[in-house]
Every structure is written in structure tokens, then in C-alpha cells.
């Protein structure tokens, strides 16, 4: 298998993992890390359930641009980067 995934890499790639936008090899590596890491799994599980709840709500309107920009800024400050 390729390189190991550490906690930082797993969390930075969490949204891409949840959206299944990583390479198949990277999906396998992140999945393996999340399955064994008691520190990262709760974050993964929360985000997964959150996304499922948002999807189930069926919201069809978009957030105002100012709100979207604040969220993107907060995610960047937390270490997430856009693709």
C-alpha cells in the first residue's frame, strides 16, 4: 500500500473523503486510518452525520454569499484548503 495517513492528513482530506473525491488508493488509506484512530473517528462520524442531516433536510435555497465567504474563511483558518 502507499504512504500512511496521519491524523492531520486525514482531517484535511475528510470532506473530499466524504464526497468520495479522492483517488481509490487514497480513499482506502483514509478509510483505514479512520477505522483505527480513536482521535479522528469521532470527527469523521460527526461530519458524516451532519452531511446526512443537511441532505435529508432537502434545502433547495443557497446561503447568502456573505455567509458562504465567512464559512470558507473559517475553514481555511482551521487548516482546510480549497481544491
PDB file of N, CA and C in Angstrom:
ATOM      1  N   UNK A   1       0.854  -1.182   0.000  1.00  0.00           N
ATOM      2  CA  UNK A   1       0.000   0.000   0.000  1.00  0.00           C
ATOM      3  C   UNK A   1       0.889   1.230   0.000  1.00  0.00           C
ATOM      4  N   UNK A   2       0.352   2.390  -0.410  1.00  0.00           N
ATOM      5  CA  UNK A   2       1.103   3.640  -0.485  1.00  0.00           C
ATOM      6  C   UNK A   2       1.428   4.197   0.881  1.00  0.00           C
ATOM      7  N   UNK A   3       1.620   5.489   0.928  1.00  0.00           N
ATOM      8  CA  UNK A   3       2.021   6.131   2.177  1.00  0.00           C
ATOM      9  C   UNK A   3       0.901   6.057   3.215  1.00  0.00           C
ATOM     10  N   UNK A   4       1.328   6.069   4.462  1.00  0.00           N
ATOM     11  CA  UNK A   4       0.375   6.040   5.567  1.00  0.00           C
ATOM     12  C   UNK A   4      -0.279   7.414   5.719  1.00  0.00           C
ATOM     13  N   UNK A   5      -1.470   7.440   6.264  1.00  0.00           N
ATOM     14  CA  UNK A   5      -2.200   8.674   6.510  1.00  0.00           C
ATOM     15  C   UNK A   5      -2.105   8.983   7.998  1.00  0.00           C
ATOM     16  N   UNK A   6      -1.640  10.200   8.334  1.00  0.00           N
ATOM     17  CA  UNK A   6      -1.628  10.596   9.740  1.00  0.00           C
ATOM     18  C   UNK A   6      -2.906  11.378  10.034  1.00  0.00           C
ATOM     19  N   UNK A   7      -3.084  11.750  11.291  1.00  0.00           N
ATOM     20  CA  UNK A   7      -4.314  12.442  11.706  1.00  0.00           C
ATOM     21  C   UNK A   7      -4.513  13.755  10.943  1.00  0.00           C
ATOM     22  N   UNK A   8      -3.456  14.526  10.799  1.00  0.00           N
ATOM     23  CA  UNK A   8      -3.572  15.805  10.097  1.00  0.00           C
ATOM     24  C   UNK A   8      -4.036  15.626   8.664  1.00  0.00           C
ATOM     25  N   UNK A   9      -3.437  14.677   7.965  1.00  0.00           N
ATOM     26  CA  UNK A   9      -3.816  14.424   6.572  1.00  0.00           C
ATOM     27  C   UNK A   9      -5.250  13.909   6.482  1.00  0.00           C
ATOM     28  N   UNK A  10      -5.626  13.038   7.405  1.00  0.00           N
ATOM     29  CA  UNK A  10      -6.990  12.500   7.396  1.00  0.00           C
ATOM     30  C   UNK A  10      -8.017  13.615   7.578  1.00  0.00           C
ATOM     31  N   UNK A  11      -7.764  14.522   8.496  1.00  0.00           N
ATOM     32  CA  UNK A  11      -8.719  15.606   8.752  1.00  0.00           C
ATOM     33  C   UNK A  11      -8.730  16.631   7.610  1.00  0.00           C
ATOM     34  N   UNK A  12      -7.579  16.900   7.015  1.00  0.00           N
ATOM     35  CA  UNK A  12      -7.545  17.837   5.876  1.00  0.00           C
ATOM     36  C   UNK A  12      -8.293  17.272   4.675  1.00  0.00           C
ATOM     37  N   UNK A  13      -8.328  15.961   4.549  1.00  0.00           N
ATOM     38  CA  UNK A  13      -8.968  15.318   3.402  1.00  0.00           C
ATOM     39  C   UNK A  13     -10.359  14.772   3.733  1.00  0.00           C
ATOM     40  N   UNK A  14     -10.850  15.086   4.914  1.00  0.00           N
ATOM     41  CA  UNK A  14     -12.113  14.499   5.362  1.00  0.00           C
ATOM     42  C   UNK A  14     -13.281  14.819   4.431  1.00  0.00           C
ATOM     43  N   UNK A  15     -13.424  16.077   4.022  1.00  0.00           N
ATOM     44  CA  UNK A  15     -14.560  16.427   3.168  1.00  0.00           C
ATOM     45  C   UNK A  15     -14.446  15.777   1.795  1.00  0.00           C
ATOM     46  N   UNK A  16     -13.230  15.737   1.245  1.00  0.00           N
ATOM     47  CA  UNK A  16     -13.041  15.042  -0.026  1.00  0.00           C
ATOM     48  C   UNK A  16     -13.310  13.548   0.133  1.00  0.00           C
ATOM     49  N   UNK A  17     -12.927  12.982   1.274  1.00  0.00           N
ATOM     50  CA  UNK A  17     -13.212  11.572   1.552  1.00  0.00           C
ATOM     51  C   UNK A  17     -14.723  11.339   1.606  1.00  0.00           C
ATOM     52  N   UNK A  18     -15.429  12.177   2.354  1.00  0.00           N
ATOM     53  CA  UNK A  18     -16.876  12.015   2.488  1.00  0.00           C
ATOM     54  C   UNK A  18     -17.590  12.186   1.155  1.00  0.00           C
ATOM     55  N   UNK A  19     -17.043  13.027   0.291  1.00  0.00           N
ATOM     56  CA  UNK A  19     -17.618  13.229  -1.043  1.00  0.00           C
ATOM     57  C   UNK A  19     -17.100  12.220  -2.061  1.00  0.00           C
ATOM     58  N   UNK A  20     -16.250  11.295  -1.602  1.00  0.00           N
ATOM     59  CA  UNK A  20     -15.646  10.268  -2.450  1.00  0.00           C
ATOM     60  C   UNK A  20     -14.915  10.875  -3.639  1.00  0.00           C
ATOM     61  N   UNK A  21     -14.152  11.942  -3.369  1.00  0.00           N
ATOM     62  CA  UNK A  21     -13.429  12.649  -4.418  1.00  0.00           C
ATOM     63  C   UNK A  21     -11.921  12.393  -4.385  1.00  0.00           C
ATOM     64  N   UNK A  22     -11.476  11.458  -3.561  1.00  0.00           N
ATOM     65  CA  UNK A  22     -10.062  11.086  -3.518  1.00  0.00           C
ATOM     66  C   UNK A  22      -9.836   9.928  -4.484  1.00  0.00           C
ATOM     67  N   UNK A  23      -8.568   9.669  -4.795  1.00  0.00           N
ATOM     68  CA  UNK A  23      -8.264   8.502  -5.623  1.00  0.00           C
ATOM     69  C   UNK A  23      -8.681   7.246  -4.863  1.00  0.00           C
ATOM     70  N   UNK A  24      -8.946   6.152  -5.568  1.00  0.00           N
ATOM     71  CA  UNK A  24      -9.322   4.916  -4.866  1.00  0.00           C
ATOM     72  C   UNK A  24      -8.286   4.502  -3.818  1.00  0.00           C
ATOM     73  N   UNK A  25      -7.000   4.638  -4.137  1.00  0.00           N
ATOM     74  CA  UNK A  25      -5.963   4.274  -3.177  1.00  0.00           C
ATOM     75  C   UNK A  25      -6.030   5.160  -1.934  1.00  0.00           C
ATOM     76  N   UNK A  26      -6.205   6.472  -2.155  1.00  0.00           N
ATOM     77  CA  UNK A  26      -6.256   7.400  -1.020  1.00  0.00           C
ATOM     78  C   UNK A  26      -7.524   7.175  -0.200  1.00  0.00           C
ATOM     79  N   UNK A  27      -8.643   6.846  -0.855  1.00  0.00           N
ATOM     80  CA  UNK A  27      -9.875   6.531  -0.125  1.00  0.00           C
ATOM     81  C   UNK A  27      -9.620   5.356   0.827  1.00  0.00           C
ATOM     82  N   UNK A  28      -8.920   4.329   0.333  1.00  0.00           N
ATOM     83  CA  UNK A  28      -8.614   3.157   1.138  1.00  0.00           C
ATOM     84  C   UNK A  28      -7.721   3.528   2.312  1.00  0.00           C
ATOM     85  N   UNK A  29      -6.720   4.366   2.075  1.00  0.00           N
ATOM     86  CA  UNK A  29      -5.795   4.766   3.135  1.00  0.00           C
ATOM     87  C   UNK A  29      -6.496   5.582   4.211  1.00  0.00           C
ATOM     88  N   UNK A  30      -7.322   6.541   3.800  1.00  0.00           N
ATOM     89  CA  UNK A  30      -8.038   7.373   4.780  1.00  0.00           C
ATOM     90  C   UNK A  30      -9.047   6.518   5.543  1.00  0.00           C
ATOM     91  N   UNK A  31      -9.758   5.646   4.835  1.00  0.00           N
ATOM     92  CA  UNK A  31     -10.734   4.753   5.481  1.00  0.00           C
ATOM     93  C   UNK A  31     -10.043   3.888   6.538  1.00  0.00           C
ATOM     94  N   UNK A  32      -8.868   3.351   6.207  1.00  0.00           N
ATOM     95  CA  UNK A  32      -8.126   2.519   7.159  1.00  0.00           C
ATOM     96  C   UNK A  32      -7.714   3.333   8.381  1.00  0.00           C
ATOM     97  N   UNK A  33      -7.278   4.562   8.166  1.00  0.00           N
ATOM     98  CA  UNK A  33      -6.886   5.407   9.294  1.00  0.00           C
ATOM     99  C   UNK A  33      -8.088   5.683  10.199  1.00  0.00           C
ATOM    100  N   UNK A  34      -9.210   6.066   9.598  1.00  0.00           N
ATOM    101  CA  UNK A  34     -10.400   6.388  10.384  1.00  0.00           C
ATOM    102  C   UNK A  34     -10.907   5.182  11.164  1.00  0.00           C
ATOM    103  N   UNK A  35     -10.758   3.997  10.592  1.00  0.00           N
ATOM    104  CA  UNK A  35     -11.236   2.781  11.252  1.00  0.00           C
ATOM    105  C   UNK A  35     -10.436   2.458  12.514  1.00  0.00           C
ATOM    106  N   UNK A  36      -9.179   2.880  12.555  1.00  0.00           N
ATOM    107  CA  UNK A  36      -8.354   2.511  13.710  1.00  0.00           C
ATOM    108  C   UNK A  36      -8.029   3.677  14.639  1.00  0.00           C
ATOM    109  N   UNK A  37      -8.342   4.912  14.251  1.00  0.00           N
ATOM    110  CA  UNK A  37      -7.934   6.071  15.040  1.00  0.00           C
ATOM    111  C   UNK A  37      -9.082   6.589  15.909  1.00  0.00           C
ATOM    112  N   UNK A  38      -8.937   6.414  17.214  1.00  0.00           N
ATOM    113  CA  UNK A  38      -9.984   6.865  18.131  1.00  0.00           C
ATOM    114  C   UNK A  38     -10.037   8.386  18.247  1.00  0.00           C
ATOM    115  N   UNK A  39      -8.998   9.081  17.808  1.00  0.00           N
ATOM    116  CA  UNK A  39      -8.988  10.546  17.823  1.00  0.00           C
ATOM    117  C   UNK A  39      -9.749  11.110  16.610  1.00  0.00           C
ATOM    118  N   UNK A  40      -9.548  10.516  15.445  1.00  0.00           N
ATOM    119  CA  UNK A  40     -10.152  11.040  14.215  1.00  0.00           C
ATOM    120  C   UNK A  40     -11.572  10.530  13.970  1.00  0.00           C
ATOM    121  N   UNK A  41     -11.865   9.310  14.391  1.00  0.00           N
ATOM    122  CA  UNK A  41     -13.167   8.727  14.076  1.00  0.00           C
ATOM    123  C   UNK A  41     -14.341   9.577  14.564  1.00  0.00           C
ATOM    124  N   UNK A  42     -14.311  10.130  15.778  1.00  0.00           N
ATOM    125  CA  UNK A  42     -15.452  10.956  16.202  1.00  0.00           C
ATOM    126  C   UNK A  42     -15.668  12.175  15.289  1.00  0.00           C
ATOM    127  N   UNK A  43     -14.587  12.786  14.811  1.00  0.00           N
ATOM    128  CA  UNK A  43     -14.728  13.917  13.885  1.00  0.00           C
ATOM    129  C   UNK A  43     -15.359  13.462  12.577  1.00  0.00           C
ATOM    130  N   UNK A  44     -14.866  12.348  12.063  1.00  0.00           N
ATOM    131  CA  UNK A  44     -15.422  11.782  10.836  1.00  0.00           C
ATOM    132  C   UNK A  44     -16.908  11.471  11.012  1.00  0.00           C
ATOM    133  N   UNK A  45     -17.238  10.796  12.109  1.00  0.00           N
ATOM    134  CA  UNK A  45     -18.619  10.388  12.345  1.00  0.00           C
ATOM    135  C   UNK A  45     -19.538  11.603  12.471  1.00  0.00           C
ATOM    136  N   UNK A  46     -19.090  12.642  13.174  1.00  0.00           N
ATOM    137  CA  UNK A  46     -19.883  13.859  13.305  1.00  0.00           C
ATOM    138  C   UNK A  46     -20.128  14.489  11.939  1.00  0.00           C
ATOM    139  N   UNK A  47     -19.065  14.659  11.160  1.00  0.00           N
ATOM    140  CA  UNK A  47     -19.205  15.295   9.841  1.00  0.00           C
ATOM    141  C   UNK A  47     -20.092  14.475   8.917  1.00  0.00           C
ATOM    142  N   UNK A  48     -19.960  13.161   8.977  1.00  0.00           N
ATOM    143  CA  UNK A  48     -20.789  12.286   8.153  1.00  0.00           C
ATOM    144  C   UNK A  48     -22.262  12.450   8.518  1.00  0.00           C
ATOM    145  N   UNK A  49     -22.553  12.399   9.824  1.00  0.00           N
ATOM    146  CA  UNK A  49     -23.940  12.558  10.268  1.00  0.00           C
ATOM    147  C   UNK A  49     -24.481  13.945   9.961  1.00  0.00           C
ATOM    148  N   UNK A  50     -23.629  14.970  10.095  1.00  0.00           N
ATOM    149  CA  UNK A  50     -24.032  16.335   9.775  1.00  0.00           C
ATOM    150  C   UNK A  50     -24.411  16.446   8.300  1.00  0.00           C
ATOM    151  N   UNK A  51     -23.564  15.921   7.418  1.00  0.00           N
ATOM    152  CA  UNK A  51     -23.860  15.987   5.988  1.00  0.00           C
ATOM    153  C   UNK A  51     -25.123  15.207   5.637  1.00  0.00           C
ATOM    154  N   UNK A  52     -25.323  14.081   6.298  1.00  0.00           N
ATOM    155  CA  UNK A  52     -26.548  13.305   6.075  1.00  0.00           C
ATOM    156  C   UNK A  52     -27.778  14.095   6.512  1.00  0.00           C
ATOM    157  N   UNK A  53     -27.678  14.809   7.642  1.00  0.00           N
ATOM    158  CA  UNK A  53     -28.807  15.611   8.133  1.00  0.00           C
ATOM    159  C   UNK A  53     -29.103  16.766   7.187  1.00  0.00           C
ATOM    160  N   UNK A  54     -28.070  17.413   6.693  1.00  0.00           N
ATOM    161  CA  UNK A  54     -28.266  18.517   5.742  1.00  0.00           C
ATOM    162  C   UNK A  54     -28.927  17.990   4.477  1.00  0.00           C
ATOM    163  N   UNK A  55     -28.452  16.855   4.002  1.00  0.00           N
ATOM    164  CA  UNK A  55     -29.035  16.262   2.800  1.00  0.00           C
ATOM    165  C   UNK A  55     -30.494  15.874   3.021  1.00  0.00           C
ATOM    166  N   UNK A  56     -30.792  15.316   4.185  1.00  0.00           N
ATOM    167  CA  UNK A  56     -32.160  14.900   4.493  1.00  0.00           C
ATOM    168  C   UNK A  56     -33.107  16.093   4.622  1.00  0.00           C
ATOM    169  N   UNK A  57     -32.560  17.248   5.006  1.00  0.00           N
ATOM    170  CA  UNK A  57     -33.393  18.441   5.158  1.00  0.00           C
ATOM    171  C   UNK A  57     -33.911  18.923   3.804  1.00  0.00           C
ATOM    172  N   UNK A  58     -33.202  18.560   2.743  1.00  0.00           N
ATOM    173  CA  UNK A  58     -33.664  18.899   1.402  1.00  0.00           C
ATOM    174  C   UNK A  58     -33.720  20.385   1.122  1.00  0.00           C
ATOM    175  N   UNK A  59     -32.836  21.127   1.707  1.00  0.00           N
ATOM    176  CA  UNK A  59     -32.806  22.567   1.495  1.00  0.00           C
ATOM    177  C   UNK A  59     -32.479  22.877   0.035  1.00  0.00           C
ATOM    178  N   UNK A  60     -33.341  23.657  -0.603  1.00  0.00           N
ATOM    179  CA  UNK A  60     -33.142  23.959  -2.014  1.00  0.00           C
ATOM    180  C   UNK A  60     -32.622  25.365  -2.257  1.00  0.00           C
ATOM    181  N   UNK A  61     -32.516  26.185  -1.228  1.00  0.00           N
ATOM    182  CA  UNK A  61     -32.020  27.539  -1.436  1.00  0.00           C
ATOM    183  C   UNK A  61     -30.557  27.616  -1.051  1.00  0.00           C
ATOM    184  N   UNK A  62     -29.863  28.593  -1.614  1.00  0.00           N
ATOM    185  CA  UNK A  62     -28.444  28.774  -1.329  1.00  0.00           C
ATOM    186  C   UNK A  62     -28.277  29.758  -0.184  1.00  0.00           C
ATOM    187  N   UNK A  63     -27.178  29.592   0.533  1.00  0.00           N
ATOM    188  CA  UNK A  63     -26.831  30.533   1.603  1.00  0.00           C
ATOM    189  C   UNK A  63     -26.414  31.859   0.971  1.00  0.00           C
ATOM    190  N   UNK A  64     -26.645  32.969   1.672  1.00  0.00           N
ATOM    191  CA  UNK A  64     -26.182  34.259   1.154  1.00  0.00           C
ATOM    192  C   UNK A  64     -24.667  34.230   0.951  1.00  0.00           C
ATOM    193  N   UNK A  65     -24.190  34.952  -0.048  1.00  0.00           N
ATOM    194  CA  UNK A  65     -22.760  34.954  -0.378  1.00  0.00           C
ATOM    195  C   UNK A  65     -21.891  35.352   0.815  1.00  0.00           C
ATOM    196  N   UNK A  66     -22.317  36.320   1.604  1.00  0.00           N
ATOM    197  CA  UNK A  66     -21.530  36.756   2.760  1.00  0.00           C
ATOM    198  C   UNK A  66     -21.345  35.610   3.754  1.00  0.00           C
ATOM    199  N   UNK A  67     -22.388  34.831   3.983  1.00  0.00           N
ATOM    200  CA  UNK A  67     -22.300  33.689   4.885  1.00  0.00           C
ATOM    201  C   UNK A  67     -21.367  32.626   4.310  1.00  0.00           C
ATOM    202  N   UNK A  68     -21.506  32.361   3.026  1.00  0.00           N
ATOM    203  CA  UNK A  68     -20.639  31.380   2.383  1.00  0.00           C
ATOM    204  C   UNK A  68     -19.178  31.779   2.517  1.00  0.00           C
ATOM    205  N   UNK A  69     -18.858  33.043   2.319  1.00  0.00           N
ATOM    206  CA  UNK A  69     -17.482  33.517   2.415  1.00  0.00           C
ATOM    207  C   UNK A  69     -16.956  33.398   3.848  1.00  0.00           C
ATOM    208  N   UNK A  70     -17.808  33.667   4.852  1.00  0.00           N
ATOM    209  CA  UNK A  70     -17.383  33.519   6.251  1.00  0.00           C
ATOM    210  C   UNK A  70     -17.070  32.067   6.573  1.00  0.00           C
ATOM    211  N   UNK A  71     -17.875  31.164   6.055  1.00  0.00           N
ATOM    212  CA  UNK A  71     -17.651  29.737   6.293  1.00  0.00           C
ATOM    213  C   UNK A  71     -16.356  29.283   5.623  1.00  0.00           C
ATOM    214  N   UNK A  72     -16.158  29.679   4.368  1.00  0.00           N
ATOM    215  CA  UNK A  72     -14.931  29.314   3.656  1.00  0.00           C
ATOM    216  C   UNK A  72     -13.715  29.870   4.392  1.00  0.00           C
ATOM    217  N   UNK A  73     -13.799  31.104   4.859  1.00  0.00           N
ATOM    218  CA  UNK A  73     -12.691  31.711   5.595  1.00  0.00           C
ATOM    219  C   UNK A  73     -12.401  30.944   6.888  1.00  0.00           C
ATOM    220  N   UNK A  74     -13.445  30.578   7.616  1.00  0.00           N
ATOM    221  CA  UNK A  74     -13.266  29.835   8.861  1.00  0.00           C
ATOM    222  C   UNK A  74     -12.645  28.464   8.591  1.00  0.00           C
ATOM    223  N   UNK A  75     -13.053  27.806   7.521  1.00  0.00           N
ATOM    224  CA  UNK A  75     -12.472  26.509   7.177  1.00  0.00           C
ATOM    225  C   UNK A  75     -10.994  26.649   6.818  1.00  0.00           C
ATOM    226  N   UNK A  76     -10.649  27.686   6.087  1.00  0.00           N
ATOM    227  CA  UNK A  76      -9.238  27.912   5.736  1.00  0.00           C
ATOM    228  C   UNK A  76      -8.408  28.168   6.989  1.00  0.00           C
ATOM    229  N   UNK A  77      -8.933  28.977   7.913  1.00  0.00           N
ATOM    230  CA  UNK A  77      -8.223  29.261   9.155  1.00  0.00           C
ATOM    231  C   UNK A  77      -8.037  27.989   9.990  1.00  0.00           C
ATOM    232  N   UNK A  78      -8.969  27.044   9.849  1.00  0.00           N
ATOM    233  CA  UNK A  78      -8.883  25.786  10.581  1.00  0.00           C
ATOM    234  C   UNK A  78      -7.969  24.769   9.897  1.00  0.00           C
ATOM    235  N   UNK A  79      -7.408  25.163   8.743  1.00  0.00           N
ATOM    236  CA  UNK A  79      -6.464  24.283   8.081  1.00  0.00           C
ATOM    237  C   UNK A  79      -6.982  23.570   6.848  1.00  0.00           C
ATOM    238  N   UNK A  80      -8.236  23.804   6.508  1.00  0.00           N
ATOM    239  CA  UNK A  80      -8.779  23.179   5.283  1.00  0.00           C
ATOM    240  C   UNK A  80      -8.490  24.104   4.115  1.00  0.00           C
ATOM    241  N   UNK A  81      -8.176  23.521   2.987  1.00  0.00           N
ATOM    242  CA  UNK A  81      -7.900  24.332   1.801  1.00  0.00           C
ATOM    243  C   UNK A  81      -8.818  23.915   0.675  1.00  0.00           C
ATOM    244  N   UNK A  82      -9.106  24.856  -0.192  1.00  0.00           N
ATOM    245  CA  UNK A  82      -9.947  24.516  -1.346  1.00  0.00           C
ATOM    246  C   UNK A  82      -9.093  23.811  -2.381  1.00  0.00           C
ATOM    247  N   UNK A  83      -9.728  23.051  -3.210  1.00  0.00           N
ATOM    248  CA  UNK A  83      -9.011  22.290  -4.236  1.00  0.00           C
ATOM    249  C   UNK A  83      -8.540  23.157  -5.311  1.00  0.00           C
TER     250      UNK A  83
END
